[in-house]
Amino acid sequence: MAVRDLDCLYEACPIPLIKTMKELRTMNSGDILVVHSDQSCVGVIMVEWAEQNNYQVKLVETENGEWEVYIQKP
């Protein structure tokens, strides 16, 4: 299992979701992608998308206005 980070700070929707989908295509089953964002809507959209597509997902607020979205590829 590998863990990758994806920096999406200062990027508005839907760019982080597009980058996430592209990155997940290159990953193996069981790998985890950590998406870093400072947009609250990114977290909400990522969680909805991940759940609809059967990815395990966890949203964590790390510090003032920054979030990490953990997505595990099935």
PDB file of N, CA and C in Angstrom:
ATOM      1  N   MET A   1       0.839  -1.175   0.000  1.00  0.00           N
ATOM      2  CA  MET A   1       0.000   0.000   0.000  1.00  0.00           C
ATOM      3  C   MET A   1       0.887   1.242   0.000  1.00  0.00           C
ATOM      4  N   ALA A   2       0.608   2.131  -0.903  1.00  0.00           N
ATOM      5  CA  ALA A   2       1.349   3.387  -1.003  1.00  0.00           C
ATOM      6  C   ALA A   2       0.437   4.541  -0.604  1.00  0.00           C
ATOM      7  N   VAL A   3       1.052   5.614  -0.136  1.00  0.00           N
ATOM      8  CA  VAL A   3       0.319   6.832   0.196  1.00  0.00           C
ATOM      9  C   VAL A   3       0.887   7.955  -0.650  1.00  0.00           C
ATOM     10  N   ARG A   4       0.000   8.664  -1.348  1.00  0.00           N
ATOM     11  CA  ARG A   4       0.425   9.800  -2.176  1.00  0.00           C
ATOM     12  C   ARG A   4      -0.275  11.060  -1.695  1.00  0.00           C
ATOM     13  N   ASP A   5       0.411  12.180  -1.835  1.00  0.00           N
ATOM     14  CA  ASP A   5      -0.160  13.482  -1.507  1.00  0.00           C
ATOM     15  C   ASP A   5      -0.462  14.232  -2.790  1.00  0.00           C
ATOM     16  N   LEU A   6      -1.585  14.938  -2.775  1.00  0.00           N
ATOM     17  CA  LEU A   6      -1.981  15.761  -3.915  1.00  0.00           C
ATOM     18  C   LEU A   6      -2.275  17.158  -3.384  1.00  0.00           C
ATOM     19  N   ASP A   7      -1.460  18.121  -3.776  1.00  0.00           N
ATOM     20  CA  ASP A   7      -1.602  19.503  -3.316  1.00  0.00           C
ATOM     21  C   ASP A   7      -2.615  20.237  -4.189  1.00  0.00           C
ATOM     22  N   CYS A   8      -3.752  20.553  -3.594  1.00  0.00           N
ATOM     23  CA  CYS A   8      -4.789  21.316  -4.295  1.00  0.00           C
ATOM     24  C   CYS A   8      -5.108  22.605  -3.544  1.00  0.00           C
ATOM     25  N   LEU A   9      -4.143  23.097  -2.782  1.00  0.00           N
ATOM     26  CA  LEU A   9      -4.337  24.362  -2.073  1.00  0.00           C
ATOM     27  C   LEU A   9      -4.513  25.487  -3.081  1.00  0.00           C
ATOM     28  N   TYR A  10      -5.429  26.381  -2.786  1.00  0.00           N
ATOM     29  CA  TYR A  10      -5.715  27.562  -3.603  1.00  0.00           C
ATOM     30  C   TYR A  10      -6.372  27.227  -4.934  1.00  0.00           C
ATOM     31  N   GLU A  11      -6.874  26.016  -5.082  1.00  0.00           N
ATOM     32  CA  GLU A  11      -7.557  25.633  -6.318  1.00  0.00           C
ATOM     33  C   GLU A  11      -9.046  25.466  -6.035  1.00  0.00           C
ATOM     34  N   ALA A  12      -9.855  26.045  -6.901  1.00  0.00           N
ATOM     35  CA  ALA A  12     -11.313  25.993  -6.730  1.00  0.00           C
ATOM     36  C   ALA A  12     -11.894  24.799  -7.476  1.00  0.00           C
ATOM     37  N   CYS A  13     -13.081  24.415  -7.057  1.00  0.00           N
ATOM     38  CA  CYS A  13     -13.801  23.315  -7.707  1.00  0.00           C
ATOM     39  C   CYS A  13     -14.072  23.677  -9.165  1.00  0.00           C
ATOM     40  N   PRO A  14     -14.001  22.748 -10.061  1.00  0.00           N
ATOM     41  CA  PRO A  14     -13.848  21.306  -9.892  1.00  0.00           C
ATOM     42  C   PRO A  14     -12.419  20.803 -10.092  1.00  0.00           C
ATOM     43  N   ILE A  15     -11.438  21.693 -10.146  1.00  0.00           N
ATOM     44  CA  ILE A  15     -10.052  21.303 -10.430  1.00  0.00           C
ATOM     45  C   ILE A  15      -9.533  20.222  -9.473  1.00  0.00           C
ATOM     46  N   PRO A  16      -9.715  20.336  -8.149  1.00  0.00           N
ATOM     47  CA  PRO A  16      -9.219  19.277  -7.266  1.00  0.00           C
ATOM     48  C   PRO A  16      -9.845  17.908  -7.545  1.00  0.00           C
ATOM     49  N   LEU A  17     -11.127  17.883  -7.871  1.00  0.00           N
ATOM     50  CA  LEU A  17     -11.773  16.605  -8.180  1.00  0.00           C
ATOM     51  C   LEU A  17     -11.214  16.012  -9.468  1.00  0.00           C
ATOM     52  N   ILE A  18     -11.004  16.835 -10.464  1.00  0.00           N
ATOM     53  CA  ILE A  18     -10.429  16.351 -11.735  1.00  0.00           C
ATOM     54  C   ILE A  18      -9.028  15.796 -11.507  1.00  0.00           C
ATOM     55  N   LYS A  19      -8.213  16.515 -10.737  1.00  0.00           N
ATOM     56  CA  LYS A  19      -6.858  16.040 -10.435  1.00  0.00           C
ATOM     57  C   LYS A  19      -6.900  14.742  -9.630  1.00  0.00           C
ATOM     58  N   THR A  20      -7.839  14.651  -8.705  1.00  0.00           N
ATOM     59  CA  THR A  20      -7.984  13.447  -7.886  1.00  0.00           C
ATOM     60  C   THR A  20      -8.336  12.246  -8.749  1.00  0.00           C
ATOM     61  N   MET A  21      -9.309  12.408  -9.621  1.00  0.00           N
ATOM     62  CA  MET A  21      -9.719  11.306 -10.495  1.00  0.00           C
ATOM     63  C   MET A  21      -8.549  10.851 -11.365  1.00  0.00           C
ATOM     64  N   LYS A  22      -7.803  11.787 -11.889  1.00  0.00           N
ATOM     65  CA  LYS A  22      -6.650  11.477 -12.743  1.00  0.00           C
ATOM     66  C   LYS A  22      -5.573  10.729 -11.949  1.00  0.00           C
ATOM     67  N   GLU A  23      -5.291  11.184 -10.739  1.00  0.00           N
ATOM     68  CA  GLU A  23      -4.262  10.557  -9.898  1.00  0.00           C
ATOM     69  C   GLU A  23      -4.675   9.140  -9.483  1.00  0.00           C
ATOM     70  N   LEU A  24      -5.936   8.962  -9.110  1.00  0.00           N
ATOM     71  CA  LEU A  24      -6.408   7.647  -8.683  1.00  0.00           C
ATOM     72  C   LEU A  24      -6.298   6.604  -9.799  1.00  0.00           C
ATOM     73  N   ARG A  25      -6.420   7.033 -11.039  1.00  0.00           N
ATOM     74  CA  ARG A  25      -6.291   6.092 -12.171  1.00  0.00           C
ATOM     75  C   ARG A  25      -4.899   5.484 -12.248  1.00  0.00           C
ATOM     76  N   THR A  26      -3.895   6.177 -11.722  1.00  0.00           N
ATOM     77  CA  THR A  26      -2.516   5.688 -11.798  1.00  0.00           C
ATOM     78  C   THR A  26      -2.120   4.879 -10.568  1.00  0.00           C
ATOM     79  N   MET A  27      -3.039   4.746  -9.613  1.00  0.00           N
ATOM     80  CA  MET A  27      -2.726   4.090  -8.348  1.00  0.00           C
ATOM     81  C   MET A  27      -3.232   2.658  -8.318  1.00  0.00           C
ATOM     82  N   ASN A  28      -2.663   1.859  -7.418  1.00  0.00           N
ATOM     83  CA  ASN A  28      -3.060   0.467  -7.248  1.00  0.00           C
ATOM     84  C   ASN A  28      -4.150   0.330  -6.195  1.00  0.00           C
ATOM     85  N   SER A  29      -4.844  -0.784  -6.232  1.00  0.00           N
ATOM     86  CA  SER A  29      -5.860  -1.083  -5.241  1.00  0.00           C
ATOM     87  C   SER A  29      -5.245  -1.071  -3.847  1.00  0.00           C
ATOM     88  N   GLY A  30      -5.918  -0.421  -2.905  1.00  0.00           N
ATOM     89  CA  GLY A  30      -5.427  -0.332  -1.536  1.00  0.00           C
ATOM     90  C   GLY A  30      -4.607   0.917  -1.260  1.00  0.00           C
ATOM     91  N   ASP A  31      -4.114   1.581  -2.319  1.00  0.00           N
ATOM     92  CA  ASP A  31      -3.338   2.807  -2.137  1.00  0.00           C
ATOM     93  C   ASP A  31      -4.235   3.926  -1.605  1.00  0.00           C
ATOM     94  N   ILE A  32      -3.617   4.871  -0.909  1.00  0.00           N
ATOM     95  CA  ILE A  32      -4.348   5.992  -0.324  1.00  0.00           C
ATOM     96  C   ILE A  32      -3.840   7.298  -0.923  1.00  0.00           C
ATOM     97  N   LEU A  33      -4.780   8.136  -1.310  1.00  0.00           N
ATOM     98  CA  LEU A  33      -4.474   9.468  -1.824  1.00  0.00           C
ATOM     99  C   LEU A  33      -4.916  10.473  -0.769  1.00  0.00           C
ATOM    100  N   VAL A  34      -4.009  11.396  -0.417  1.00  0.00           N
ATOM    101  CA  VAL A  34      -4.325  12.452   0.536  1.00  0.00           C
ATOM    102  C   VAL A  34      -4.377  13.765  -0.247  1.00  0.00           C
ATOM    103  N   VAL A  35      -5.571  14.325  -0.346  1.00  0.00           N
ATOM    104  CA  VAL A  35      -5.773  15.572  -1.088  1.00  0.00           C
ATOM    105  C   VAL A  35      -5.776  16.721  -0.084  1.00  0.00           C
ATOM    106  N   HIS A  36      -4.921  17.698  -0.311  1.00  0.00           N
ATOM    107  CA  HIS A  36      -4.815  18.864   0.563  1.00  0.00           C
ATOM    108  C   HIS A  36      -5.545  20.029  -0.094  1.00  0.00           C
ATOM    109  N   SER A  37      -6.450  20.662   0.671  1.00  0.00           N
ATOM    110  CA  SER A  37      -7.243  21.750   0.117  1.00  0.00           C
ATOM    111  C   SER A  37      -7.524  22.805   1.180  1.00  0.00           C
ATOM    112  N   ASP A  38      -7.782  24.010   0.716  1.00  0.00           N
ATOM    113  CA  ASP A  38      -8.195  25.078   1.619  1.00  0.00           C
ATOM    114  C   ASP A  38      -9.597  25.576   1.265  1.00  0.00           C
ATOM    115  N   GLN A  39     -10.316  24.794   0.490  1.00  0.00           N
ATOM    116  CA  GLN A  39     -11.675  25.133   0.083  1.00  0.00           C
ATOM    117  C   GLN A  39     -12.644  24.133   0.717  1.00  0.00           C
ATOM    118  N   SER A  40     -13.546  24.593   1.549  1.00  0.00           N
ATOM    119  CA  SER A  40     -14.459  23.676   2.228  1.00  0.00           C
ATOM    120  C   SER A  40     -15.336  22.912   1.241  1.00  0.00           C
ATOM    121  N   CYS A  41     -15.698  23.536   0.127  1.00  0.00           N
ATOM    122  CA  CYS A  41     -16.541  22.850  -0.858  1.00  0.00           C
ATOM    123  C   CYS A  41     -15.818  21.661  -1.477  1.00  0.00           C
ATOM    124  N   VAL A  42     -14.497  21.714  -1.547  1.00  0.00           N
ATOM    125  CA  VAL A  42     -13.725  20.595  -2.093  1.00  0.00           C
ATOM    126  C   VAL A  42     -13.946  19.354  -1.239  1.00  0.00           C
ATOM    127  N   GLY A  43     -13.890  19.504   0.066  1.00  0.00           N
ATOM    128  CA  GLY A  43     -14.105  18.370   0.950  1.00  0.00           C
ATOM    129  C   GLY A  43     -15.478  17.760   0.781  1.00  0.00           C
ATOM    130  N   VAL A  44     -16.484  18.591   0.716  1.00  0.00           N
ATOM    131  CA  VAL A  44     -17.858  18.104   0.565  1.00  0.00           C
ATOM    132  C   VAL A  44     -18.022  17.368  -0.760  1.00  0.00           C
ATOM    133  N   ILE A  45     -17.537  17.944  -1.827  1.00  0.00           N
ATOM    134  CA  ILE A  45     -17.660  17.332  -3.152  1.00  0.00           C
ATOM    135  C   ILE A  45     -16.868  16.029  -3.219  1.00  0.00           C
ATOM    136  N   MET A  46     -15.659  16.028  -2.651  1.00  0.00           N
ATOM    137  CA  MET A  46     -14.824  14.820  -2.666  1.00  0.00           C
ATOM    138  C   MET A  46     -15.499  13.674  -1.917  1.00  0.00           C
ATOM    139  N   VAL A  47     -16.059  13.968  -0.750  1.00  0.00           N
ATOM    140  CA  VAL A  47     -16.717  12.923   0.036  1.00  0.00           C
ATOM    141  C   VAL A  47     -17.915  12.365  -0.723  1.00  0.00           C
ATOM    142  N   GLU A  48     -18.732  13.238  -1.295  1.00  0.00           N
ATOM    143  CA  GLU A  48     -19.893  12.779  -2.068  1.00  0.00           C
ATOM    144  C   GLU A  48     -19.460  11.918  -3.246  1.00  0.00           C
ATOM    145  N   TRP A  49     -18.460  12.382  -3.992  1.00  0.00           N
ATOM    146  CA  TRP A  49     -17.985  11.647  -5.170  1.00  0.00           C
ATOM    147  C   TRP A  49     -17.415  10.295  -4.758  1.00  0.00           C
ATOM    148  N   ALA A  50     -16.589  10.286  -3.710  1.00  0.00           N
ATOM    149  CA  ALA A  50     -15.948   9.049  -3.271  1.00  0.00           C
ATOM    150  C   ALA A  50     -16.991   8.021  -2.825  1.00  0.00           C
ATOM    151  N   GLU A  51     -17.961   8.460  -2.051  1.00  0.00           N
ATOM    152  CA  GLU A  51     -18.990   7.534  -1.579  1.00  0.00           C
ATOM    153  C   GLU A  51     -19.818   6.982  -2.735  1.00  0.00           C
ATOM    154  N   GLN A  52     -20.124   7.807  -3.711  1.00  0.00           N
ATOM    155  CA  GLN A  52     -20.887   7.359  -4.878  1.00  0.00           C
ATOM    156  C   GLN A  52     -20.102   6.363  -5.718  1.00  0.00           C
ATOM    157  N   ASN A  53     -18.777   6.426  -5.646  1.00  0.00           N
ATOM    158  CA  ASN A  53     -17.930   5.558  -6.462  1.00  0.00           C
ATOM    159  C   ASN A  53     -17.246   4.462  -5.651  1.00  0.00           C
ATOM    160  N   ASN A  54     -17.762   4.198  -4.457  1.00  0.00           N
ATOM    161  CA  ASN A  54     -17.301   3.090  -3.605  1.00  0.00           C
ATOM    162  C   ASN A  54     -15.854   3.203  -3.136  1.00  0.00           C
ATOM    163  N   TYR A  55     -15.386   4.417  -2.943  1.00  0.00           N
ATOM    164  CA  TYR A  55     -14.070   4.644  -2.340  1.00  0.00           C
ATOM    165  C   TYR A  55     -14.271   4.882  -0.852  1.00  0.00           C
ATOM    166  N   GLN A  56     -13.345   4.377  -0.030  1.00  0.00           N
ATOM    167  CA  GLN A  56     -13.363   4.737   1.386  1.00  0.00           C
ATOM    168  C   GLN A  56     -12.800   6.142   1.488  1.00  0.00           C
ATOM    169  N   VAL A  57     -13.456   6.981   2.267  1.00  0.00           N
ATOM    170  CA  VAL A  57     -13.050   8.387   2.337  1.00  0.00           C
ATOM    171  C   VAL A  57     -13.165   8.911   3.756  1.00  0.00           C
ATOM    172  N   LYS A  58     -12.240   9.812   4.097  1.00  0.00           N
ATOM    173  CA  LYS A  58     -12.273  10.466   5.401  1.00  0.00           C
ATOM    174  C   LYS A  58     -11.833  11.912   5.205  1.00  0.00           C
ATOM    175  N   LEU A  59     -12.586  12.833   5.787  1.00  0.00           N
ATOM    176  CA  LEU A  59     -12.291  14.261   5.694  1.00  0.00           C
ATOM    177  C   LEU A  59     -11.821  14.750   7.054  1.00  0.00           C
ATOM    178  N   VAL A  60     -10.655  15.423   7.089  1.00  0.00           N
ATOM    179  CA  VAL A  60     -10.081  15.909   8.339  1.00  0.00           C
ATOM    180  C   VAL A  60      -9.704  17.379   8.176  1.00  0.00           C
ATOM    181  N   GLU A  61     -10.173  18.221   9.111  1.00  0.00           N
ATOM    182  CA  GLU A  61      -9.726  19.616   9.120  1.00  0.00           C
ATOM    183  C   GLU A  61      -8.416  19.649   9.901  1.00  0.00           C
ATOM    184  N   THR A  62      -7.339  20.047   9.244  1.00  0.00           N
ATOM    185  CA  THR A  62      -6.021  19.986   9.858  1.00  0.00           C
ATOM    186  C   THR A  62      -5.667  21.252  10.611  1.00  0.00           C
ATOM    187  N   GLU A  63      -5.984  22.391  10.068  1.00  0.00           N
ATOM    188  CA  GLU A  63      -5.746  23.663  10.737  1.00  0.00           C
ATOM    189  C   GLU A  63      -6.661  24.704  10.138  1.00  0.00           C
ATOM    190  N   ASN A  64      -6.541  25.907  10.567  1.00  0.00           N
ATOM    191  CA  ASN A  64      -7.457  26.977  10.172  1.00  0.00           C
ATOM    192  C   ASN A  64      -7.761  26.993   8.683  1.00  0.00           C
ATOM    193  N   GLY A  65      -8.888  26.402   8.329  1.00  0.00           N
ATOM    194  CA  GLY A  65      -9.345  26.472   6.950  1.00  0.00           C
ATOM    195  C   GLY A  65      -8.636  25.563   5.973  1.00  0.00           C
ATOM    196  N   GLU A  66      -7.908  24.571   6.457  1.00  0.00           N
ATOM    197  CA  GLU A  66      -7.278  23.611   5.553  1.00  0.00           C
ATOM    198  C   GLU A  66      -7.781  22.216   5.886  1.00  0.00           C
ATOM    199  N   TRP A  67      -7.976  21.416   4.840  1.00  0.00           N
ATOM    200  CA  TRP A  67      -8.502  20.070   4.996  1.00  0.00           C
ATOM    201  C   TRP A  67      -7.628  19.062   4.283  1.00  0.00           C
ATOM    202  N   GLU A  68      -7.698  17.838   4.763  1.00  0.00           N
ATOM    203  CA  GLU A  68      -7.101  16.693   4.082  1.00  0.00           C
ATOM    204  C   GLU A  68      -8.225  15.709   3.819  1.00  0.00           C
ATOM    205  N   VAL A  69      -8.290  15.235   2.593  1.00  0.00           N
ATOM    206  CA  VAL A  69      -9.270  14.226   2.219  1.00  0.00           C
ATOM    207  C   VAL A  69      -8.484  12.953   1.932  1.00  0.00           C
ATOM    208  N   TYR A  70      -8.750  11.897   2.714  1.00  0.00           N
ATOM    209  CA  TYR A  70      -8.090  10.601   2.542  1.00  0.00           C
ATOM    210  C   TYR A  70      -9.001   9.719   1.735  1.00  0.00           C
ATOM    211  N   ILE A  71      -8.520   9.272   0.582  1.00  0.00           N
ATOM    212  CA  ILE A  71      -9.308   8.415  -0.301  1.00  0.00           C
ATOM    213  C   ILE A  71      -8.516   7.140  -0.564  1.00  0.00           C
ATOM    214  N   GLN A  72      -9.126   5.993  -0.248  1.00  0.00           N
ATOM    215  CA  GLN A  72      -8.470   4.711  -0.494  1.00  0.00           C
ATOM    216  C   GLN A  72      -9.078   4.071  -1.734  1.00  0.00           C
ATOM    217  N   LYS A  73      -8.203   3.694  -2.659  1.00  0.00           N
ATOM    218  CA  LYS A  73      -8.663   3.061  -3.889  1.00  0.00           C
ATOM    219  C   LYS A  73      -9.069   1.617  -3.598  1.00  0.00           C
ATOM    220  N   PRO A  74     -10.289   1.238  -4.030  1.00  0.00           N
ATOM    221  CA  PRO A  74     -10.748  -0.140  -3.766  1.00  0.00           C
ATOM    222  C   PRO A  74      -9.970  -1.168  -4.581  1.00  0.00           C
TER     223      PRO A  74
END
